[in-house]
PDB file of N, CA and C in Angstrom:
ATOM      1  N   MET A   1      -4.511  44.367 -41.239  1.00  0.00           N
ATOM      2  CA  MET A   1      -5.687  44.759 -40.491  1.00  0.00           C
ATOM      3  C   MET A   1      -5.722  43.942 -39.204  1.00  0.00           C
ATOM      4  N   ILE A   2      -6.020  44.621 -38.121  1.00  0.00           N
ATOM      5  CA  ILE A   2      -6.136  43.970 -36.823  1.00  0.00           C
ATOM      6  C   ILE A   2      -7.617  43.777 -36.519  1.00  0.00           C
ATOM      7  N   PHE A   3      -7.984  42.546 -36.188  1.00  0.00           N
ATOM      8  CA  PHE A   3      -9.377  42.247 -35.869  1.00  0.00           C
ATOM      9  C   PHE A   3      -9.617  42.476 -34.382  1.00  0.00           C
ATOM     10  N   LEU A   4     -10.730  43.127 -34.053  1.00  0.00           N
ATOM     11  CA  LEU A   4     -11.086  43.412 -32.673  1.00  0.00           C
ATOM     12  C   LEU A   4     -11.802  42.221 -32.047  1.00  0.00           C
ATOM     13  N   THR A   5     -11.647  42.079 -30.739  1.00  0.00           N
ATOM     14  CA  THR A   5     -12.335  41.022 -30.013  1.00  0.00           C
ATOM     15  C   THR A   5     -13.788  41.424 -29.793  1.00  0.00           C
ATOM     16  N   ILE A   6     -14.607  40.481 -29.372  1.00  0.00           N
ATOM     17  CA  ILE A   6     -16.018  40.772 -29.096  1.00  0.00           C
ATOM     18  C   ILE A   6     -16.135  41.814 -27.987  1.00  0.00           C
ATOM     19  N   ALA A   7     -15.310  41.697 -26.953  1.00  0.00           N
ATOM     20  CA  ALA A   7     -15.350  42.670 -25.854  1.00  0.00           C
ATOM     21  C   ALA A   7     -15.005  44.070 -26.356  1.00  0.00           C
ATOM     22  N   GLN A   8     -14.033  44.179 -27.240  1.00  0.00           N
ATOM     23  CA  GLN A   8     -13.664  45.476 -27.799  1.00  0.00           C
ATOM     24  C   GLN A   8     -14.783  46.031 -28.677  1.00  0.00           C
ATOM     25  N   LEU A   9     -15.405  45.163 -29.451  1.00  0.00           N
ATOM     26  CA  LEU A   9     -16.490  45.598 -30.328  1.00  0.00           C
ATOM     27  C   LEU A   9     -17.687  46.102 -29.534  1.00  0.00           C
ATOM     28  N   GLU A  10     -18.007  45.434 -28.433  1.00  0.00           N
ATOM     29  CA  GLU A  10     -19.164  45.828 -27.625  1.00  0.00           C
ATOM     30  C   GLU A  10     -18.982  47.190 -26.984  1.00  0.00           C
ATOM     31  N   LYS A  11     -17.746  47.627 -26.772  1.00  0.00           N
ATOM     32  CA  LYS A  11     -17.475  48.933 -26.178  1.00  0.00           C
ATOM     33  C   LYS A  11     -17.609  50.073 -27.177  1.00  0.00           C
ATOM     34  N   LEU A  12     -17.617  49.757 -28.477  1.00  0.00           N
ATOM     35  CA  LEU A  12     -17.701  50.787 -29.507  1.00  0.00           C
ATOM     36  C   LEU A  12     -19.126  51.309 -29.653  1.00  0.00           C
ATOM     37  N   SER A  13     -19.232  52.566 -30.030  1.00  0.00           N
ATOM     38  CA  SER A  13     -20.551  53.135 -30.323  1.00  0.00           C
ATOM     39  C   SER A  13     -21.058  52.511 -31.620  1.00  0.00           C
ATOM     40  N   THR A  14     -22.341  52.652 -31.868  1.00  0.00           N
ATOM     41  CA  THR A  14     -22.928  52.103 -33.094  1.00  0.00           C
ATOM     42  C   THR A  14     -22.283  52.730 -34.321  1.00  0.00           C
ATOM     43  N   GLN A  15     -22.018  54.020 -34.266  1.00  0.00           N
ATOM     44  CA  GLN A  15     -21.384  54.700 -35.392  1.00  0.00           C
ATOM     45  C   GLN A  15     -19.996  54.112 -35.675  1.00  0.00           C
ATOM     46  N   ARG A  16     -19.227  53.860 -34.629  1.00  0.00           N
ATOM     47  CA  ARG A  16     -17.890  53.278 -34.803  1.00  0.00           C
ATOM     48  C   ARG A  16     -17.988  51.849 -35.320  1.00  0.00           C
ATOM     49  N   LEU A  17     -18.988  51.092 -34.845  1.00  0.00           N
ATOM     50  CA  LEU A  17     -19.184  49.726 -35.338  1.00  0.00           C
ATOM     51  C   LEU A  17     -19.506  49.720 -36.830  1.00  0.00           C
ATOM     52  N   LEU A  18     -20.352  50.650 -37.255  1.00  0.00           N
ATOM     53  CA  LEU A  18     -20.691  50.741 -38.669  1.00  0.00           C
ATOM     54  C   LEU A  18     -19.466  51.110 -39.511  1.00  0.00           C
ATOM     55  N   ALA A  19     -18.607  51.964 -38.987  1.00  0.00           N
ATOM     56  CA  ALA A  19     -17.379  52.323 -39.690  1.00  0.00           C
ATOM     57  C   ALA A  19     -16.446  51.122 -39.781  1.00  0.00           C
ATOM     58  N   TYR A  20     -16.372  50.338 -38.707  1.00  0.00           N
ATOM     59  CA  TYR A  20     -15.536  49.127 -38.698  1.00  0.00           C
ATOM     60  C   TYR A  20     -16.077  48.103 -39.703  1.00  0.00           C
ATOM     61  N   LYS A  21     -17.400  47.978 -39.755  1.00  0.00           N
ATOM     62  CA  LYS A  21     -18.021  47.067 -40.720  1.00  0.00           C
ATOM     63  C   LYS A  21     -17.688  47.500 -42.144  1.00  0.00           C
ATOM     64  N   LYS A  22     -17.747  48.800 -42.398  1.00  0.00           N
ATOM     65  CA  LYS A  22     -17.417  49.329 -43.728  1.00  0.00           C
ATOM     66  C   LYS A  22     -15.961  49.020 -44.076  1.00  0.00           C
ATOM     67  N   LYS A  23     -15.074  49.146 -43.091  1.00  0.00           N
ATOM     68  CA  LYS A  23     -13.661  48.840 -43.308  1.00  0.00           C
ATOM     69  C   LYS A  23     -13.480  47.355 -43.617  1.00  0.00           C
ATOM     70  N   LEU A  24     -14.211  46.498 -42.901  1.00  0.00           N
ATOM     71  CA  LEU A  24     -14.144  45.060 -43.177  1.00  0.00           C
ATOM     72  C   LEU A  24     -14.616  44.756 -44.598  1.00  0.00           C
ATOM     73  N   LEU A  25     -15.660  45.447 -45.028  1.00  0.00           N
ATOM     74  CA  LEU A  25     -16.194  45.204 -46.367  1.00  0.00           C
ATOM     75  C   LEU A  25     -15.259  45.686 -47.472  1.00  0.00           C
ATOM     76  N   SER A  26     -14.313  46.570 -47.130  1.00  0.00           N
ATOM     77  CA  SER A  26     -13.369  47.066 -48.132  1.00  0.00           C
ATOM     78  C   SER A  26     -12.211  46.095 -48.389  1.00  0.00           C
ATOM     79  N   VAL A  27     -12.145  45.035 -47.598  1.00  0.00           N
ATOM     80  CA  VAL A  27     -11.101  44.017 -47.784  1.00  0.00           C
ATOM     81  C   VAL A  27     -11.363  43.287 -49.101  1.00  0.00           C
ATOM     82  N   PRO A  28     -10.310  42.978 -49.863  1.00  0.00           N
ATOM     83  CA  PRO A  28     -10.511  42.296 -51.154  1.00  0.00           C
ATOM     84  C   PRO A  28     -11.152  40.915 -51.005  1.00  0.00           C
ATOM     85  N   GLU A  29     -11.847  40.505 -52.057  1.00  0.00           N
ATOM     86  CA  GLU A  29     -12.515  39.195 -52.072  1.00  0.00           C
ATOM     87  C   GLU A  29     -11.517  38.047 -51.957  1.00  0.00           C
ATOM     88  N   SER A  30     -10.427  38.150 -52.703  1.00  0.00           N
ATOM     89  CA  SER A  30      -9.425  37.088 -52.684  1.00  0.00           C
ATOM     90  C   SER A  30      -8.046  37.698 -52.810  1.00  0.00           C
ATOM     91  N   SER A  31      -7.053  36.892 -52.554  1.00  0.00           N
ATOM     92  CA  SER A  31      -5.674  37.358 -52.594  1.00  0.00           C
ATOM     93  C   SER A  31      -5.158  37.355 -54.031  1.00  0.00           C
ATOM     94  N   ASP A  32      -4.627  38.496 -54.453  1.00  0.00           N
ATOM     95  CA  ASP A  32      -4.013  38.584 -55.767  1.00  0.00           C
ATOM     96  C   ASP A  32      -2.496  38.434 -55.682  1.00  0.00           C
ATOM     97  N   TRP A  33      -2.011  38.223 -54.472  1.00  0.00           N
ATOM     98  CA  TRP A  33      -0.585  38.076 -54.259  1.00  0.00           C
ATOM     99  C   TRP A  33      -0.162  36.650 -54.600  1.00  0.00           C
ATOM    100  N   GLY A  34       1.123  36.478 -54.797  1.00  0.00           N
ATOM    101  CA  GLY A  34       1.664  35.144 -55.055  1.00  0.00           C
ATOM    102  C   GLY A  34       1.550  34.266 -53.837  1.00  0.00           C
ATOM    103  N   SER A  35       1.860  33.012 -53.986  1.00  0.00           N
ATOM    104  CA  SER A  35       1.702  32.058 -52.887  1.00  0.00           C
ATOM    105  C   SER A  35       2.625  32.354 -51.713  1.00  0.00           C
ATOM    106  N   GLY A  36       3.677  33.144 -51.931  1.00  0.00           N
ATOM    107  CA  GLY A  36       4.606  33.479 -50.856  1.00  0.00           C
ATOM    108  C   GLY A  36       4.120  34.596 -49.961  1.00  0.00           C
ATOM    109  N   TRP A  37       3.027  35.263 -50.313  1.00  0.00           N
ATOM    110  CA  TRP A  37       2.516  36.390 -49.552  1.00  0.00           C
ATOM    111  C   TRP A  37       1.283  35.981 -48.756  1.00  0.00           C
ATOM    112  N   SER A  38       1.197  36.516 -47.574  1.00  0.00           N
ATOM    113  CA  SER A  38       0.020  36.264 -46.736  1.00  0.00           C
ATOM    114  C   SER A  38      -0.771  37.564 -46.656  1.00  0.00           C
ATOM    115  N   GLN A  39      -2.012  37.537 -47.087  1.00  0.00           N
ATOM    116  CA  GLN A  39      -2.846  38.734 -47.093  1.00  0.00           C
ATOM    117  C   GLN A  39      -4.234  38.380 -46.589  1.00  0.00           C
ATOM    118  N   ILE A  40      -4.819  39.276 -45.832  1.00  0.00           N
ATOM    119  CA  ILE A  40      -6.182  39.090 -45.357  1.00  0.00           C
ATOM    120  C   ILE A  40      -7.127  39.319 -46.527  1.00  0.00           C
ATOM    121  N   ASN A  41      -8.097  38.438 -46.672  1.00  0.00           N
ATOM    122  CA  ASN A  41      -9.141  38.625 -47.672  1.00  0.00           C
ATOM    123  C   ASN A  41     -10.426  38.014 -47.126  1.00  0.00           C
ATOM    124  N   LYS A  42     -11.509  38.208 -47.841  1.00  0.00           N
ATOM    125  CA  LYS A  42     -12.821  37.782 -47.349  1.00  0.00           C
ATOM    126  C   LYS A  42     -12.992  36.267 -47.279  1.00  0.00           C
ATOM    127  N   SER A  43     -12.086  35.516 -47.846  1.00  0.00           N
ATOM    128  CA  SER A  43     -12.209  34.062 -47.792  1.00  0.00           C
ATOM    129  C   SER A  43     -11.525  33.459 -46.564  1.00  0.00           C
ATOM    130  N   THR A  44     -10.861  34.287 -45.748  1.00  0.00           N
ATOM    131  CA  THR A  44     -10.183  33.757 -44.562  1.00  0.00           C
ATOM    132  C   THR A  44     -11.172  33.594 -43.407  1.00  0.00           C
ATOM    133  N   ALA A  45     -10.893  32.627 -42.560  1.00  0.00           N
ATOM    134  CA  ALA A  45     -11.760  32.357 -41.411  1.00  0.00           C
ATOM    135  C   ALA A  45     -11.765  33.537 -40.435  1.00  0.00           C
ATOM    136  N   SER A  46     -10.621  34.200 -40.263  1.00  0.00           N
ATOM    137  CA  SER A  46     -10.552  35.315 -39.320  1.00  0.00           C
ATOM    138  C   SER A  46     -11.408  36.490 -39.787  1.00  0.00           C
ATOM    139  N   TRP A  47     -11.446  36.745 -41.101  1.00  0.00           N
ATOM    140  CA  TRP A  47     -12.300  37.826 -41.617  1.00  0.00           C
ATOM    141  C   TRP A  47     -13.768  37.471 -41.401  1.00  0.00           C
ATOM    142  N   ASN A  48     -14.143  36.238 -41.727  1.00  0.00           N
ATOM    143  CA  ASN A  48     -15.535  35.812 -41.567  1.00  0.00           C
ATOM    144  C   ASN A  48     -15.985  35.900 -40.113  1.00  0.00           C
ATOM    145  N   GLU A  49     -15.112  35.521 -39.190  1.00  0.00           N
ATOM    146  CA  GLU A  49     -15.446  35.590 -37.770  1.00  0.00           C
ATOM    147  C   GLU A  49     -15.614  37.044 -37.327  1.00  0.00           C
ATOM    148  N   ALA A  50     -14.715  37.910 -37.757  1.00  0.00           N
ATOM    149  CA  ALA A  50     -14.790  39.327 -37.390  1.00  0.00           C
ATOM    150  C   ALA A  50     -16.070  39.952 -37.936  1.00  0.00           C
ATOM    151  N   TYR A  51     -16.408  39.655 -39.181  1.00  0.00           N
ATOM    152  CA  TYR A  51     -17.613  40.218 -39.792  1.00  0.00           C
ATOM    153  C   TYR A  51     -18.868  39.701 -39.084  1.00  0.00           C
ATOM    154  N   GLN A  52     -18.888  38.432 -38.756  1.00  0.00           N
ATOM    155  CA  GLN A  52     -20.039  37.850 -38.053  1.00  0.00           C
ATOM    156  C   GLN A  52     -20.203  38.482 -36.673  1.00  0.00           C
ATOM    157  N   ASN A  53     -19.096  38.702 -35.961  1.00  0.00           N
ATOM    158  CA  ASN A  53     -19.153  39.345 -34.649  1.00  0.00           C
ATOM    159  C   ASN A  53     -19.754  40.741 -34.742  1.00  0.00           C
ATOM    160  N   VAL A  54     -19.325  41.519 -35.737  1.00  0.00           N
ATOM    161  CA  VAL A  54     -19.844  42.881 -35.911  1.00  0.00           C
ATOM    162  C   VAL A  54     -21.334  42.852 -36.217  1.00  0.00           C
ATOM    163  N   THR A  55     -21.752  42.003 -37.131  1.00  0.00           N
ATOM    164  CA  THR A  55     -23.176  41.961 -37.490  1.00  0.00           C
ATOM    165  C   THR A  55     -24.033  41.460 -36.333  1.00  0.00           C
ATOM    166  N   ASP A  56     -23.514  40.529 -35.536  1.00  0.00           N
ATOM    167  CA  ASP A  56     -24.260  40.049 -34.366  1.00  0.00           C
ATOM    168  C   ASP A  56     -24.467  41.163 -33.344  1.00  0.00           C
ATOM    169  N   ILE A  57     -23.436  41.945 -33.092  1.00  0.00           N
ATOM    170  CA  ILE A  57     -23.541  43.027 -32.117  1.00  0.00           C
ATOM    171  C   ILE A  57     -24.469  44.120 -32.639  1.00  0.00           C
ATOM    172  N   LEU A  58     -24.344  44.453 -33.920  1.00  0.00           N
ATOM    173  CA  LEU A  58     -25.222  45.469 -34.495  1.00  0.00           C
ATOM    174  C   LEU A  58     -26.685  45.039 -34.461  1.00  0.00           C
ATOM    175  N   ALA A  59     -26.949  43.760 -34.604  1.00  0.00           N
ATOM    176  CA  ALA A  59     -28.320  43.258 -34.582  1.00  0.00           C
ATOM    177  C   ALA A  59     -28.965  43.441 -33.210  1.00  0.00           C
ATOM    178  N   LYS A  60     -28.155  43.509 -32.168  1.00  0.00           N
ATOM    179  CA  LYS A  60     -28.670  43.671 -30.811  1.00  0.00           C
ATOM    180  C   LYS A  60     -28.878  45.138 -30.433  1.00  0.00           C
ATOM    181  N   ARG A  61     -28.348  46.039 -31.247  1.00  0.00           N
ATOM    182  CA  ARG A  61     -28.448  47.463 -30.956  1.00  0.00           C
ATOM    183  C   ARG A  61     -29.807  48.005 -31.354  1.00  0.00           C
ATOM    184  N   GLU A  62     -30.181  49.108 -30.709  1.00  0.00           N
ATOM    185  CA  GLU A  62     -31.453  49.757 -31.017  1.00  0.00           C
ATOM    186  C   GLU A  62     -31.370  50.402 -32.400  1.00  0.00           C
ATOM    187  N   HIS A  63     -32.417  50.214 -33.184  1.00  0.00           N
ATOM    188  CA  HIS A  63     -32.482  50.782 -34.524  1.00  0.00           C
ATOM    189  C   HIS A  63     -33.396  51.991 -34.520  1.00  0.00           C
ATOM    190  N   LEU A  64     -32.951  53.053 -35.144  1.00  0.00           N
ATOM    191  CA  LEU A  64     -33.752  54.264 -35.256  1.00  0.00           C
ATOM    192  C   LEU A  64     -34.295  54.386 -36.658  1.00  0.00           C
ATOM    193  N   GLU A  65     -35.556  54.677 -36.759  1.00  0.00           N
ATOM    194  CA  GLU A  65     -36.161  54.864 -38.076  1.00  0.00           C
ATOM    195  C   GLU A  65     -35.846  56.263 -38.569  1.00  0.00           C
ATOM    196  N   LYS A  66     -35.687  56.404 -39.872  1.00  0.00           N
ATOM    197  CA  LYS A  66     -35.398  57.722 -40.459  1.00  0.00           C
ATOM    198  C   LYS A  66     -36.670  58.514 -40.619  1.00  0.00           C
TER     199      LYS A  66
END
């Protein structure tokens, strides 16, 4: 998975940001691979930073009531 920069995230529509957030949430909690494999999971710093960036940008967007 490639993590987007803040500048790239800000250019996305709210719908695309929500889809990206959903994709981030689909990442496994921890690595089930052996120690020789490198896999992105929710415990990595890069995942946490990417998720925080998305939620920060979404918090600044206008919210529509249903």
